[in-house]
C-alpha cells in the first residue's frame, strides 16, 4: 500500500517547480529586454499561478508566442535566421525566412521552422489565412516539373505548411536558383510566389544541426 508523500519529497517537488519557473523567467526576461518590453514576463507570472495541465498549456502557448520574437540575423542573401530555446522544455527552436522576389521585405514569406525536433516548410503572408488543409500546394524548382502536394496547418505559427517530409524536401533543393510556389484554394489559384535559393546551404546546415536531421538526408541535392 502506497504511503503519503513525505515532507522531504514534497519539498523536492516544490523546489523543482520553482527552479523550472525561475529558468523560464530568465529566458522570457531576456526576450523582453531585447524587445524593450515586459509583457512576456507578465504572461509568465500568470502561467505560474496556474496548476497542472493548465499551467503547462499556458507555458506552451507562451513559448509559441516567443517563437515569433526570436532574435533574428539578416544576411546578404536575404535569409533571416533566428535560434532560441523553448521555455517549456528547453528544446531548440530555429527559423529561417526569406521574402518572395515579388514582395521583398513584406507580404509573402517562405520559412523553414524547427521546434522540438520537428521540421516544417511554410508559406505565410498577409493574404494567407484559415486552415492549411483548405489549400493545395504546387511547386517547381528552376522552371522544372510542377509537383503538387497537400497542405497542412503548421504545428506552430501561421501560414500553410507543405504536407510532406519537410527535411527531405529541403535537402533536395539546390543551393542556387529559384523555387516557385503556388497556393490553390477550392481548385482556384490563390497565390503565386517565387523565392531565391541563394544561401540555402548555410541555412539548412543550421536547421539540420538544430533539428538533428538523420544522416541519411544530410547531403543536399545540388
N, C-alpha and C. Protein backbone atom coordinates (compact mmCIF):
# COMPACT_ATOMS: atom_id res chain seq x y z
N UNK A 1 0.86 -1.20 0.00
CA UNK A 1 0.00 0.00 0.00
C UNK A 1 0.89 1.24 0.00
N UNK A 2 0.62 2.14 -0.97
CA UNK A 2 1.49 3.31 -1.10
C UNK A 2 1.21 4.28 0.01
N UNK A 3 2.27 4.84 0.59
CA UNK A 3 2.12 5.82 1.65
C UNK A 3 1.98 7.22 1.10
N UNK A 4 1.64 8.13 1.96
CA UNK A 4 1.53 9.52 1.54
C UNK A 4 2.92 10.10 1.31
N UNK A 5 3.04 11.06 0.36
CA UNK A 5 4.35 11.66 0.11
C UNK A 5 4.91 12.27 1.38
N UNK A 6 6.19 12.06 1.59
CA UNK A 6 6.84 12.63 2.77
C UNK A 6 7.05 14.12 2.58
N UNK A 7 7.31 14.79 3.68
CA UNK A 7 7.58 16.23 3.61
C UNK A 7 8.81 16.50 2.75
N UNK A 8 9.78 15.58 2.81
CA UNK A 8 11.01 15.74 2.02
C UNK A 8 10.70 15.67 0.53
N UNK A 9 9.88 14.65 0.12
CA UNK A 9 9.53 14.51 -1.29
C UNK A 9 8.75 15.72 -1.78
N UNK A 10 7.81 16.18 -0.95
CA UNK A 10 7.03 17.35 -1.33
C UNK A 10 7.92 18.57 -1.51
N UNK A 11 8.89 18.71 -0.61
CA UNK A 11 9.82 19.83 -0.70
C UNK A 11 10.65 19.79 -1.96
N UNK A 12 11.10 18.58 -2.33
CA UNK A 12 11.90 18.43 -3.55
C UNK A 12 11.08 18.81 -4.77
N UNK A 13 9.82 18.33 -4.82
CA UNK A 13 8.96 18.64 -5.96
C UNK A 13 8.73 20.13 -6.08
N UNK A 14 8.52 20.79 -4.93
CA UNK A 14 8.30 22.23 -4.96
C UNK A 14 9.55 22.97 -5.43
N UNK A 15 10.72 22.51 -4.99
CA UNK A 15 11.97 23.16 -5.42
C UNK A 15 12.17 23.01 -6.92
N UNK A 16 11.83 21.83 -7.46
CA UNK A 16 11.98 21.61 -8.90
C UNK A 16 11.05 22.54 -9.67
N UNK A 17 9.81 22.68 -9.18
CA UNK A 17 8.86 23.56 -9.86
C UNK A 17 9.34 25.00 -9.85
N UNK A 18 9.86 25.43 -8.69
CA UNK A 18 10.37 26.79 -8.58
C UNK A 18 11.58 26.98 -9.49
N UNK A 19 12.45 25.98 -9.54
CA UNK A 19 13.64 26.07 -10.40
C UNK A 19 13.24 26.18 -11.86
N UNK A 20 12.22 25.40 -12.26
CA UNK A 20 11.76 25.44 -13.64
C UNK A 20 11.23 26.82 -13.99
N UNK A 21 10.34 27.34 -13.11
CA UNK A 21 9.77 28.65 -13.37
C UNK A 21 10.85 29.73 -13.39
N UNK A 22 11.86 29.59 -12.52
CA UNK A 22 12.94 30.58 -12.48
C UNK A 22 13.73 30.56 -13.77
N UNK A 23 13.99 29.36 -14.29
CA UNK A 23 14.74 29.25 -15.54
C UNK A 23 13.96 29.87 -16.69
N UNK A 24 12.65 29.60 -16.71
CA UNK A 24 11.81 30.18 -17.75
C UNK A 24 11.76 31.69 -17.61
N UNK A 25 11.71 32.18 -16.36
CA UNK A 25 11.67 33.62 -16.12
C UNK A 25 12.91 34.29 -16.67
N UNK A 26 14.07 33.68 -16.47
CA UNK A 26 15.32 34.24 -17.01
C UNK A 26 15.25 34.32 -18.52
N UNK A 27 14.74 33.24 -19.15
CA UNK A 27 14.64 33.20 -20.61
C UNK A 27 13.70 34.28 -21.12
N UNK A 28 12.50 34.33 -20.55
CA UNK A 28 11.49 35.28 -21.00
C UNK A 28 11.93 36.71 -20.74
N UNK A 29 12.57 36.95 -19.60
CA UNK A 29 13.06 38.29 -19.29
C UNK A 29 14.08 38.75 -20.31
N UNK A 30 14.92 37.81 -20.77
CA UNK A 30 15.90 38.14 -21.79
C UNK A 30 15.24 38.57 -23.08
N UNK A 31 14.18 37.86 -23.47
CA UNK A 31 13.44 38.24 -24.67
C UNK A 31 12.81 39.61 -24.48
N UNK A 32 12.22 39.83 -23.30
CA UNK A 32 11.56 41.11 -23.04
C UNK A 32 12.56 42.26 -23.10
N UNK A 33 13.74 42.08 -22.52
CA UNK A 33 14.75 43.13 -22.55
C UNK A 33 15.21 43.41 -23.96
N UNK A 34 15.36 42.34 -24.75
CA UNK A 34 15.80 42.51 -26.14
C UNK A 34 14.78 43.29 -26.94
N UNK A 35 13.49 43.15 -26.56
CA UNK A 35 12.44 43.84 -27.29
C UNK A 35 12.08 45.17 -26.67
N UNK A 36 12.64 45.47 -25.48
CA UNK A 36 12.28 46.70 -24.81
C UNK A 36 10.88 46.63 -24.22
N UNK A 37 10.39 45.42 -23.90
CA UNK A 37 9.04 45.25 -23.38
C UNK A 37 9.08 44.33 -22.18
N UNK A 38 8.01 44.35 -21.38
CA UNK A 38 7.97 43.46 -20.23
C UNK A 38 6.75 42.56 -20.23
N UNK A 39 5.92 42.57 -21.31
CA UNK A 39 4.71 41.76 -21.28
C UNK A 39 4.96 40.26 -21.27
N UNK A 40 6.04 39.71 -21.87
CA UNK A 40 6.26 38.26 -21.74
C UNK A 40 6.45 37.84 -20.29
N UNK A 41 7.12 38.69 -19.50
CA UNK A 41 7.32 38.37 -18.09
C UNK A 41 6.00 38.34 -17.34
N UNK A 42 5.11 39.29 -17.65
CA UNK A 42 3.79 39.31 -17.02
C UNK A 42 3.00 38.06 -17.38
N UNK A 43 3.12 37.62 -18.64
CA UNK A 43 2.41 36.41 -19.07
C UNK A 43 2.95 35.20 -18.33
N UNK A 44 4.26 35.16 -18.13
CA UNK A 44 4.85 34.04 -17.40
C UNK A 44 4.33 33.99 -15.97
N UNK A 45 4.23 35.15 -15.33
CA UNK A 45 3.71 35.18 -13.96
C UNK A 45 2.28 34.64 -13.91
N UNK A 46 1.49 34.97 -14.93
CA UNK A 46 0.12 34.47 -14.99
C UNK A 46 0.11 32.95 -15.12
N UNK A 47 1.02 32.41 -15.97
CA UNK A 47 1.12 30.95 -16.14
C UNK A 47 1.52 30.28 -14.84
N UNK A 48 2.46 30.90 -14.13
CA UNK A 48 2.98 30.30 -12.90
C UNK A 48 1.92 30.19 -11.82
N UNK A 49 0.89 31.02 -11.90
CA UNK A 49 -0.18 30.96 -10.90
C UNK A 49 -1.18 29.87 -11.16
N UNK A 50 -1.03 29.17 -12.30
CA UNK A 50 -1.95 28.09 -12.64
C UNK A 50 -1.41 26.77 -12.12
N UNK A 51 -2.22 25.72 -12.25
CA UNK A 51 -1.81 24.41 -11.74
C UNK A 51 -1.91 23.35 -12.82
N UNK A 52 -1.04 22.34 -12.70
CA UNK A 52 -1.12 21.13 -13.52
C UNK A 52 -1.11 21.38 -15.01
N UNK A 53 -2.03 20.69 -15.71
CA UNK A 53 -2.07 20.72 -17.17
C UNK A 53 -2.36 22.13 -17.69
N UNK A 54 -3.15 22.89 -16.96
CA UNK A 54 -3.47 24.25 -17.38
C UNK A 54 -2.21 25.11 -17.42
N UNK A 55 -1.32 24.93 -16.44
CA UNK A 55 -0.07 25.69 -16.39
C UNK A 55 0.83 25.31 -17.56
N UNK A 56 0.95 24.00 -17.85
CA UNK A 56 1.79 23.56 -18.96
C UNK A 56 1.25 24.07 -20.29
N UNK A 57 -0.08 24.07 -20.45
CA UNK A 57 -0.69 24.58 -21.67
C UNK A 57 -0.40 26.06 -21.84
N UNK A 58 -0.49 26.80 -20.74
CA UNK A 58 -0.21 28.23 -20.77
C UNK A 58 1.24 28.49 -21.17
N UNK A 59 2.17 27.72 -20.59
CA UNK A 59 3.59 27.88 -20.91
C UNK A 59 3.87 27.53 -22.36
N UNK A 60 3.20 26.50 -22.89
CA UNK A 60 3.40 26.10 -24.27
C UNK A 60 2.92 27.20 -25.21
N UNK A 61 1.77 27.80 -24.90
CA UNK A 61 1.27 28.89 -25.73
C UNK A 61 2.21 30.09 -25.67
N UNK A 62 2.78 30.34 -24.50
CA UNK A 62 3.74 31.43 -24.36
C UNK A 62 4.98 31.17 -25.19
N UNK A 63 5.44 29.91 -25.21
CA UNK A 63 6.63 29.57 -25.99
C UNK A 63 6.38 29.77 -27.47
N UNK A 64 5.16 29.47 -27.94
CA UNK A 64 4.83 29.69 -29.34
C UNK A 64 4.83 31.17 -29.67
N UNK A 65 4.33 31.99 -28.74
CA UNK A 65 4.34 33.44 -28.96
C UNK A 65 5.76 33.97 -29.02
N UNK A 66 6.63 33.42 -28.16
CA UNK A 66 8.02 33.86 -28.13
C UNK A 66 8.74 33.47 -29.41
N UNK A 67 8.34 32.34 -30.02
CA UNK A 67 8.97 31.88 -31.25
C UNK A 67 8.92 32.96 -32.32
N UNK A 68 7.80 33.70 -32.39
CA UNK A 68 7.67 34.75 -33.39
C UNK A 68 8.56 35.95 -33.08
N UNK A 69 9.15 35.96 -31.88
CA UNK A 69 10.01 37.08 -31.48
C UNK A 69 11.46 36.67 -31.30
N UNK A 70 11.87 35.56 -31.94
CA UNK A 70 13.25 35.11 -31.86
C UNK A 70 14.19 36.18 -32.40
N UNK A 71 15.30 36.48 -31.70
CA UNK A 71 16.27 37.43 -32.24
C UNK A 71 16.77 36.95 -33.60
N UNK A 72 16.70 37.82 -34.61
CA UNK A 72 16.99 37.41 -35.97
C UNK A 72 18.25 38.08 -36.50
N UNK A 73 18.88 37.38 -37.45
CA UNK A 73 20.05 37.93 -38.10
C UNK A 73 19.87 37.88 -39.61
N UNK A 74 19.90 39.03 -40.28
CA UNK A 74 19.68 39.09 -41.72
C UNK A 74 21.03 39.00 -42.44
N UNK A 75 21.04 38.25 -43.55
CA UNK A 75 22.24 38.10 -44.34
C UNK A 75 22.03 38.68 -45.73
N UNK A 76 23.13 38.88 -46.44
CA UNK A 76 23.06 39.50 -47.76
C UNK A 76 22.24 38.68 -48.74
N UNK A 77 22.16 37.36 -48.52
CA UNK A 77 21.40 36.52 -49.44
C UNK A 77 19.89 36.61 -49.21
N UNK A 78 19.46 37.38 -48.21
CA UNK A 78 18.04 37.59 -47.99
C UNK A 78 17.42 36.73 -46.91
N UNK A 79 18.12 35.68 -46.47
CA UNK A 79 17.58 34.81 -45.42
C UNK A 79 17.73 35.48 -44.06
N UNK A 80 16.69 35.36 -43.25
CA UNK A 80 16.71 35.87 -41.88
C UNK A 80 16.63 34.66 -40.96
N UNK A 81 17.67 34.44 -40.16
CA UNK A 81 17.78 33.23 -39.35
C UNK A 81 17.73 33.58 -37.87
N UNK A 82 17.00 32.81 -37.09
CA UNK A 82 16.94 33.01 -35.65
C UNK A 82 16.95 31.69 -34.91
N UNK A 83 17.56 31.67 -33.74
CA UNK A 83 17.63 30.46 -32.91
C UNK A 83 17.41 30.82 -31.45
N UNK A 84 16.70 29.95 -30.72
CA UNK A 84 16.49 30.13 -29.29
C UNK A 84 16.12 28.77 -28.70
N UNK A 85 15.56 28.77 -27.48
CA UNK A 85 15.11 27.52 -26.85
C UNK A 85 13.72 27.71 -26.26
N UNK A 86 12.95 26.64 -26.27
CA UNK A 86 11.61 26.68 -25.70
C UNK A 86 11.68 26.89 -24.20
N UNK A 87 10.87 27.79 -23.64
CA UNK A 87 10.86 27.97 -22.19
C UNK A 87 10.14 26.83 -21.47
N UNK A 88 9.46 25.97 -22.22
CA UNK A 88 8.72 24.86 -21.61
C UNK A 88 9.64 23.68 -21.34
N UNK A 89 10.33 23.20 -22.40
CA UNK A 89 11.17 22.02 -22.23
C UNK A 89 12.62 22.27 -22.65
N UNK A 90 12.94 23.54 -22.98
CA UNK A 90 14.31 23.93 -23.37
C UNK A 90 14.78 23.27 -24.67
N UNK A 91 13.85 22.70 -25.45
CA UNK A 91 14.22 22.15 -26.74
C UNK A 91 14.56 23.29 -27.69
N UNK A 92 15.48 23.08 -28.64
CA UNK A 92 15.89 24.15 -29.54
C UNK A 92 14.79 24.54 -30.52
N UNK A 93 14.73 25.82 -30.82
CA UNK A 93 13.81 26.36 -31.82
C UNK A 93 14.64 27.16 -32.81
N UNK A 94 14.38 26.95 -34.10
CA UNK A 94 15.11 27.69 -35.13
C UNK A 94 14.17 28.04 -36.27
N UNK A 95 14.37 29.19 -36.86
CA UNK A 95 13.61 29.59 -38.04
C UNK A 95 14.54 30.22 -39.06
N UNK A 96 14.21 30.04 -40.33
CA UNK A 96 14.92 30.71 -41.42
C UNK A 96 13.86 31.16 -42.41
N UNK A 97 13.84 32.45 -42.72
CA UNK A 97 12.76 33.02 -43.53
C UNK A 97 13.33 33.89 -44.64
N UNK A 98 12.69 33.81 -45.81
CA UNK A 98 13.06 34.67 -46.92
C UNK A 98 11.79 35.21 -47.57
N UNK A 99 11.82 36.47 -47.99
CA UNK A 99 10.68 37.08 -48.67
C UNK A 99 10.68 36.70 -50.14
N UNK A 100 9.51 36.69 -50.74
CA UNK A 100 9.41 36.37 -52.16
C UNK A 100 10.05 37.48 -52.99
N UNK A 101 10.42 37.15 -54.21
CA UNK A 101 11.05 38.13 -55.09
C UNK A 101 10.08 39.27 -55.40
N UNK A 102 8.80 38.96 -55.42
CA UNK A 102 7.79 39.97 -55.73
C UNK A 102 7.55 40.92 -54.57
N UNK A 103 7.82 40.45 -53.34
CA UNK A 103 7.46 41.23 -52.14
C UNK A 103 8.64 41.32 -51.18
N UNK A 104 9.78 41.77 -51.65
CA UNK A 104 10.97 41.80 -50.81
C UNK A 104 10.69 42.61 -49.54
N UNK A 105 10.88 41.95 -48.39
CA UNK A 105 10.71 42.62 -47.11
C UNK A 105 9.28 42.75 -46.66
N UNK A 106 8.33 42.14 -47.40
CA UNK A 106 6.94 42.33 -46.97
C UNK A 106 6.12 41.05 -47.08
N UNK A 107 5.10 41.07 -47.93
CA UNK A 107 3.96 40.16 -47.83
C UNK A 107 4.25 38.67 -47.73
N UNK A 108 4.72 38.02 -48.80
CA UNK A 108 4.78 36.56 -48.81
C UNK A 108 6.16 36.06 -48.41
N UNK A 109 6.19 35.08 -47.51
CA UNK A 109 7.46 34.58 -46.98
C UNK A 109 7.49 33.06 -47.01
N UNK A 110 8.68 32.53 -47.23
CA UNK A 110 8.94 31.09 -47.13
C UNK A 110 9.77 30.87 -45.87
N UNK A 111 9.31 29.98 -45.00
CA UNK A 111 10.02 29.76 -43.74
C UNK A 111 10.33 28.29 -43.53
N UNK A 112 11.54 28.03 -43.05
CA UNK A 112 11.91 26.71 -42.54
C UNK A 112 11.84 26.83 -41.02
N UNK A 113 11.05 26.00 -40.39
CA UNK A 113 10.86 26.08 -38.94
C UNK A 113 11.21 24.75 -38.28
N UNK A 114 11.86 24.85 -37.15
CA UNK A 114 12.21 23.65 -36.38
C UNK A 114 11.85 23.89 -34.93
N UNK A 115 11.07 22.99 -34.36
CA UNK A 115 10.71 23.08 -32.94
C UNK A 115 10.52 21.67 -32.40
N UNK A 116 11.16 21.37 -31.29
CA UNK A 116 11.06 20.06 -30.65
C UNK A 116 11.40 18.93 -31.63
N UNK A 117 12.41 19.18 -32.48
CA UNK A 117 12.86 18.16 -33.40
C UNK A 117 12.02 18.01 -34.65
N UNK A 118 10.98 18.81 -34.80
CA UNK A 118 10.09 18.72 -35.96
C UNK A 118 10.39 19.85 -36.93
N UNK A 119 10.58 19.51 -38.21
CA UNK A 119 10.88 20.49 -39.24
C UNK A 119 9.66 20.72 -40.12
N UNK A 120 9.39 21.98 -40.45
CA UNK A 120 8.29 22.32 -41.35
C UNK A 120 8.76 23.35 -42.38
N UNK A 121 8.20 23.26 -43.58
CA UNK A 121 8.41 24.26 -44.62
C UNK A 121 7.07 24.95 -44.82
N UNK A 122 7.05 26.28 -44.64
CA UNK A 122 5.79 27.01 -44.54
C UNK A 122 5.79 28.24 -45.44
N UNK A 123 4.66 28.47 -46.10
CA UNK A 123 4.42 29.71 -46.83
C UNK A 123 3.46 30.54 -46.00
N UNK A 124 3.82 31.79 -45.73
CA UNK A 124 2.98 32.65 -44.89
C UNK A 124 2.96 34.06 -45.47
N UNK A 125 1.98 34.82 -45.06
CA UNK A 125 1.87 36.20 -45.51
C UNK A 125 0.53 36.79 -45.15
N UNK A 126 0.38 38.06 -45.45
CA UNK A 126 -0.84 38.77 -45.06
C UNK A 126 -2.07 38.24 -45.79
N UNK A 127 -1.88 37.62 -46.96
CA UNK A 127 -3.01 37.11 -47.72
C UNK A 127 -3.36 35.67 -47.38
N UNK A 128 -2.54 35.03 -46.56
CA UNK A 128 -2.75 33.61 -46.23
C UNK A 128 -3.40 33.51 -44.86
N UNK A 129 -4.58 32.92 -44.82
CA UNK A 129 -5.30 32.79 -43.55
C UNK A 129 -6.14 31.52 -43.57
N UNK A 130 -6.71 31.19 -42.43
CA UNK A 130 -7.54 30.00 -42.34
C UNK A 130 -6.73 28.73 -42.16
N UNK A 131 -7.39 27.59 -42.32
CA UNK A 131 -6.74 26.30 -42.10
C UNK A 131 -5.85 25.94 -43.28
N UNK A 132 -4.70 25.39 -42.97
CA UNK A 132 -3.80 24.96 -44.03
C UNK A 132 -4.42 23.88 -44.91
N UNK A 133 -5.27 23.04 -44.30
CA UNK A 133 -5.89 21.94 -45.04
C UNK A 133 -6.84 22.42 -46.13
N UNK A 134 -7.21 23.70 -46.10
CA UNK A 134 -8.10 24.24 -47.13
C UNK A 134 -7.35 24.60 -48.41
N UNK A 135 -6.03 24.45 -48.39
CA UNK A 135 -5.20 24.80 -49.54
C UNK A 135 -4.58 23.55 -50.17
N UNK A 136 -4.06 23.73 -51.38
CA UNK A 136 -3.18 22.75 -52.02
C UNK A 136 -1.93 23.52 -52.45
N UNK A 137 -0.80 22.84 -52.49
CA UNK A 137 0.47 23.48 -52.84
C UNK A 137 1.05 22.85 -54.10
N UNK A 138 1.51 23.70 -55.01
CA UNK A 138 2.28 23.26 -56.17
C UNK A 138 3.61 24.00 -56.14
N UNK A 139 4.67 23.30 -56.52
CA UNK A 139 5.97 23.98 -56.56
C UNK A 139 6.82 23.41 -57.70
N UNK A 140 7.77 24.19 -58.13
CA UNK A 140 8.76 23.72 -59.11
C UNK A 140 10.08 24.42 -58.84
N UNK A 141 11.15 23.76 -59.23
CA UNK A 141 12.50 24.26 -58.98
C UNK A 141 13.17 24.59 -60.30
N UNK A 142 13.64 25.83 -60.43
CA UNK A 142 14.36 26.27 -61.63
C UNK A 142 13.60 25.96 -62.92
N UNK A 143 12.30 26.22 -62.90
CA UNK A 143 11.49 26.05 -64.10
C UNK A 143 11.23 24.61 -64.49
N UNK A 144 11.49 23.67 -63.59
CA UNK A 144 11.31 22.26 -63.90
C UNK A 144 9.87 21.78 -63.75
N UNK A 145 9.74 20.49 -63.51
CA UNK A 145 8.42 19.86 -63.41
C UNK A 145 7.65 20.40 -62.20
N UNK A 146 6.36 20.61 -62.40
CA UNK A 146 5.49 21.06 -61.31
C UNK A 146 5.11 19.87 -60.44
N UNK A 147 5.30 20.01 -59.15
CA UNK A 147 4.97 18.95 -58.19
C UNK A 147 3.86 19.45 -57.28
N UNK A 148 2.82 18.64 -57.12
CA UNK A 148 1.68 19.02 -56.29
C UNK A 148 1.71 18.26 -54.97
N UNK A 149 1.38 18.96 -53.90
CA UNK A 149 1.35 18.36 -52.57
C UNK A 149 0.12 18.85 -51.81
N UNK A 150 -0.38 18.06 -50.89
CA UNK A 150 -1.41 18.58 -49.98
C UNK A 150 -0.78 19.57 -49.02
N UNK A 151 -1.61 20.36 -48.39
CA UNK A 151 -1.14 21.35 -47.42
C UNK A 151 -1.66 21.01 -46.04
N UNK A 152 -1.08 21.64 -45.03
CA UNK A 152 -1.47 21.38 -43.65
C UNK A 152 -1.31 22.65 -42.83
N UNK A 153 -1.98 22.68 -41.70
CA UNK A 153 -1.79 23.77 -40.74
C UNK A 153 -0.47 23.53 -40.00
N UNK A 154 0.41 24.52 -39.93
CA UNK A 154 1.69 24.31 -39.23
C UNK A 154 1.49 23.93 -37.77
N UNK A 155 2.45 23.19 -37.22
CA UNK A 155 2.38 22.81 -35.81
C UNK A 155 2.45 24.03 -34.91
N UNK A 156 3.15 25.06 -35.35
CA UNK A 156 3.20 26.32 -34.60
C UNK A 156 3.41 27.46 -35.57
N UNK A 157 2.88 28.61 -35.24
CA UNK A 157 2.99 29.76 -36.12
C UNK A 157 1.91 29.73 -37.20
N UNK A 158 1.83 30.81 -37.97
CA UNK A 158 0.82 30.91 -39.01
C UNK A 158 1.31 30.40 -40.35
N UNK A 159 0.42 30.49 -41.36
CA UNK A 159 0.78 30.09 -42.70
C UNK A 159 0.24 28.74 -43.11
N UNK A 160 0.78 28.23 -44.21
CA UNK A 160 0.39 26.94 -44.78
C UNK A 160 1.64 26.09 -44.93
N UNK A 161 1.61 24.89 -44.37
CA UNK A 161 2.79 24.01 -44.40
C UNK A 161 2.70 23.00 -45.53
N UNK A 162 3.84 22.65 -46.10
CA UNK A 162 3.93 21.56 -47.07
C UNK A 162 3.69 20.25 -46.31
N UNK A 163 2.69 19.47 -46.72
CA UNK A 163 2.39 18.22 -46.02
C UNK A 163 3.24 17.11 -46.63
N UNK A 164 4.48 17.03 -46.18
CA UNK A 164 5.44 16.06 -46.69
C UNK A 164 6.58 15.97 -45.69
N UNK A 165 7.58 15.15 -46.00
CA UNK A 165 8.79 15.10 -45.19
C UNK A 165 9.58 16.37 -45.48
N UNK A 166 9.39 17.38 -44.67
CA UNK A 166 9.96 18.70 -44.95
C UNK A 166 11.48 18.67 -44.99
N UNK A 167 12.10 17.92 -44.09
CA UNK A 167 13.57 17.86 -44.06
C UNK A 167 14.11 17.29 -45.37
N UNK A 168 13.48 16.21 -45.86
CA UNK A 168 13.92 15.60 -47.11
C UNK A 168 13.70 16.55 -48.29
N UNK A 169 12.58 17.26 -48.30
CA UNK A 169 12.30 18.20 -49.38
C UNK A 169 13.32 19.34 -49.37
N UNK A 170 13.59 19.89 -48.21
CA UNK A 170 14.55 20.99 -48.11
C UNK A 170 15.93 20.54 -48.57
N UNK A 171 16.33 19.33 -48.20
CA UNK A 171 17.64 18.83 -48.61
C UNK A 171 17.70 18.52 -50.10
N UNK A 172 16.56 18.30 -50.74
CA UNK A 172 16.55 18.01 -52.18
C UNK A 172 16.71 19.27 -53.03
N UNK A 173 16.53 20.43 -52.42
CA UNK A 173 16.59 21.67 -53.18
C UNK A 173 18.04 22.07 -53.46
N UNK A 174 18.31 22.64 -54.63
CA UNK A 174 19.67 23.12 -54.93
C UNK A 174 19.98 24.37 -54.13
N UNK A 175 21.26 24.70 -54.04
CA UNK A 175 21.66 25.88 -53.27
C UNK A 175 21.67 27.15 -54.11
N UNK A 176 21.31 27.04 -55.37
CA UNK A 176 21.20 28.19 -56.25
C UNK A 176 19.93 28.02 -57.08
N UNK A 177 19.39 29.14 -57.54
CA UNK A 177 18.23 29.05 -58.41
C UNK A 177 16.99 29.64 -57.77
N UNK A 178 15.84 29.10 -58.17
CA UNK A 178 14.58 29.69 -57.74
C UNK A 178 13.54 28.62 -57.46
N UNK A 179 12.78 28.83 -56.40
CA UNK A 179 11.66 27.96 -56.04
C UNK A 179 10.37 28.73 -56.28
N UNK A 180 9.52 28.22 -57.19
CA UNK A 180 8.23 28.83 -57.46
C UNK A 180 7.15 28.05 -56.72
N UNK A 181 6.30 28.76 -56.00
CA UNK A 181 5.26 28.13 -55.19
C UNK A 181 3.91 28.73 -55.55
N UNK A 182 2.91 27.85 -55.68
CA UNK A 182 1.54 28.31 -55.90
C UNK A 182 0.62 27.69 -54.85
N UNK A 183 -0.18 28.52 -54.20
CA UNK A 183 -1.21 28.04 -53.29
C UNK A 183 -2.54 28.10 -54.02
N UNK A 184 -3.30 27.01 -53.95
CA UNK A 184 -4.63 26.95 -54.56
C UNK A 184 -5.66 26.72 -53.48
N UNK A 185 -6.86 27.25 -53.73
CA UNK A 185 -7.95 27.09 -52.78
C UNK A 185 -9.23 26.85 -53.56
N UNK A 186 -9.89 25.73 -53.26
CA UNK A 186 -11.12 25.36 -53.99
C UNK A 186 -10.87 25.30 -55.49
N UNK A 187 -9.74 24.66 -55.85
CA UNK A 187 -9.30 24.44 -57.24
C UNK A 187 -8.94 25.74 -57.96
N UNK A 188 -8.97 26.86 -57.28
CA UNK A 188 -8.61 28.14 -57.89
C UNK A 188 -7.23 28.58 -57.40
N UNK A 189 -6.39 29.03 -58.34
CA UNK A 189 -5.09 29.57 -57.95
C UNK A 189 -5.30 30.77 -57.04
N UNK A 190 -4.61 30.76 -55.91
CA UNK A 190 -4.84 31.78 -54.89
C UNK A 190 -3.64 32.71 -54.73
N UNK A 191 -2.44 32.15 -54.82
CA UNK A 191 -1.23 32.95 -54.59
C UNK A 191 -0.06 32.32 -55.32
N UNK A 192 0.72 33.16 -56.00
CA UNK A 192 1.96 32.71 -56.65
C UNK A 192 3.12 33.51 -56.08
N UNK A 193 4.20 32.81 -55.77
CA UNK A 193 5.38 33.48 -55.21
C UNK A 193 6.64 32.75 -55.65
N UNK A 194 7.71 33.51 -55.83
CA UNK A 194 9.00 32.94 -56.22
C UNK A 194 10.05 33.33 -55.19
N UNK A 195 10.90 32.36 -54.82
CA UNK A 195 11.90 32.58 -53.78
C UNK A 195 13.28 32.17 -54.29
N UNK A 196 14.26 33.06 -54.12
CA UNK A 196 15.63 32.73 -54.49
C UNK A 196 16.21 31.74 -53.49
N UNK A 197 16.96 30.77 -54.00
CA UNK A 197 17.55 29.74 -53.14
C UNK A 197 18.99 30.04 -52.75
N UNK A 198 19.52 31.17 -53.19
CA UNK A 198 20.88 31.55 -52.83
C UNK A 198 21.04 31.59 -51.31
N UNK A 199 22.07 30.92 -50.81
CA UNK A 199 22.31 30.90 -49.37
C UNK A 199 21.65 29.76 -48.63
N UNK A 200 20.91 28.91 -49.37
CA UNK A 200 20.19 27.82 -48.71
C UNK A 200 21.14 26.83 -48.03
N UNK A 201 22.33 26.64 -48.61
CA UNK A 201 23.31 25.73 -47.99
C UNK A 201 23.59 26.11 -46.54
N UNK A 202 23.87 27.39 -46.33
CA UNK A 202 24.18 27.88 -44.99
C UNK A 202 22.98 27.72 -44.05
N UNK A 203 21.81 28.04 -44.56
CA UNK A 203 20.59 27.99 -43.74
C UNK A 203 20.27 26.57 -43.32
N UNK A 204 20.28 25.64 -44.27
CA UNK A 204 19.85 24.28 -43.91
C UNK A 204 20.89 23.58 -43.04
N UNK A 205 22.15 24.00 -43.14
CA UNK A 205 23.15 23.42 -42.24
C UNK A 205 22.82 23.77 -40.79
N UNK A 206 22.37 25.01 -40.56
CA UNK A 206 21.99 25.41 -39.20
C UNK A 206 20.74 24.69 -38.73
N UNK A 207 19.74 24.60 -39.61
CA UNK A 207 18.49 23.92 -39.24
C UNK A 207 18.75 22.44 -39.01
N UNK A 208 19.57 21.82 -39.86
CA UNK A 208 19.87 20.39 -39.71
C UNK A 208 20.53 20.12 -38.38
N UNK A 209 21.44 21.00 -37.96
CA UNK A 209 22.13 20.81 -36.69
C UNK A 209 21.16 20.98 -35.52
N UNK A 210 20.30 21.98 -35.61
CA UNK A 210 19.34 22.24 -34.54
C UNK A 210 18.32 21.13 -34.42
N UNK A 211 17.82 20.67 -35.57
CA UNK A 211 16.75 19.65 -35.58
C UNK A 211 17.29 18.23 -35.58
N UNK A 212 18.62 18.09 -35.66
CA UNK A 212 19.24 16.76 -35.66
C UNK A 212 18.66 15.87 -36.76
N UNK A 213 18.76 16.38 -38.00
CA UNK A 213 18.28 15.59 -39.13
C UNK A 213 19.09 14.31 -39.27
N UNK A 214 18.45 13.21 -39.71
CA UNK A 214 19.17 11.95 -39.91
C UNK A 214 20.27 12.10 -40.95
N UNK A 215 21.35 11.35 -40.78
CA UNK A 215 22.46 11.41 -41.73
C UNK A 215 22.03 10.99 -43.12
N UNK A 216 20.98 10.18 -43.20
CA UNK A 216 20.52 9.67 -44.50
C UNK A 216 20.07 10.79 -45.42
N UNK A 217 19.65 11.95 -44.84
CA UNK A 217 19.22 13.06 -45.68
C UNK A 217 20.14 14.26 -45.50
N UNK A 218 21.32 14.01 -44.99
CA UNK A 218 22.22 15.12 -44.66
C UNK A 218 22.88 15.74 -45.88
N UNK A 219 22.95 15.02 -47.00
CA UNK A 219 23.63 15.54 -48.18
C UNK A 219 22.63 16.18 -49.13
N UNK A 220 22.72 17.49 -49.37
CA UNK A 220 21.77 18.16 -50.24
C UNK A 220 21.97 17.78 -51.70
N UNK A 221 20.93 17.97 -52.50
CA UNK A 221 20.97 17.69 -53.92
C UNK A 221 21.32 18.96 -54.66
N UNK A 222 22.57 19.07 -55.10
CA UNK A 222 22.99 20.24 -55.85
C UNK A 222 23.29 19.88 -57.30
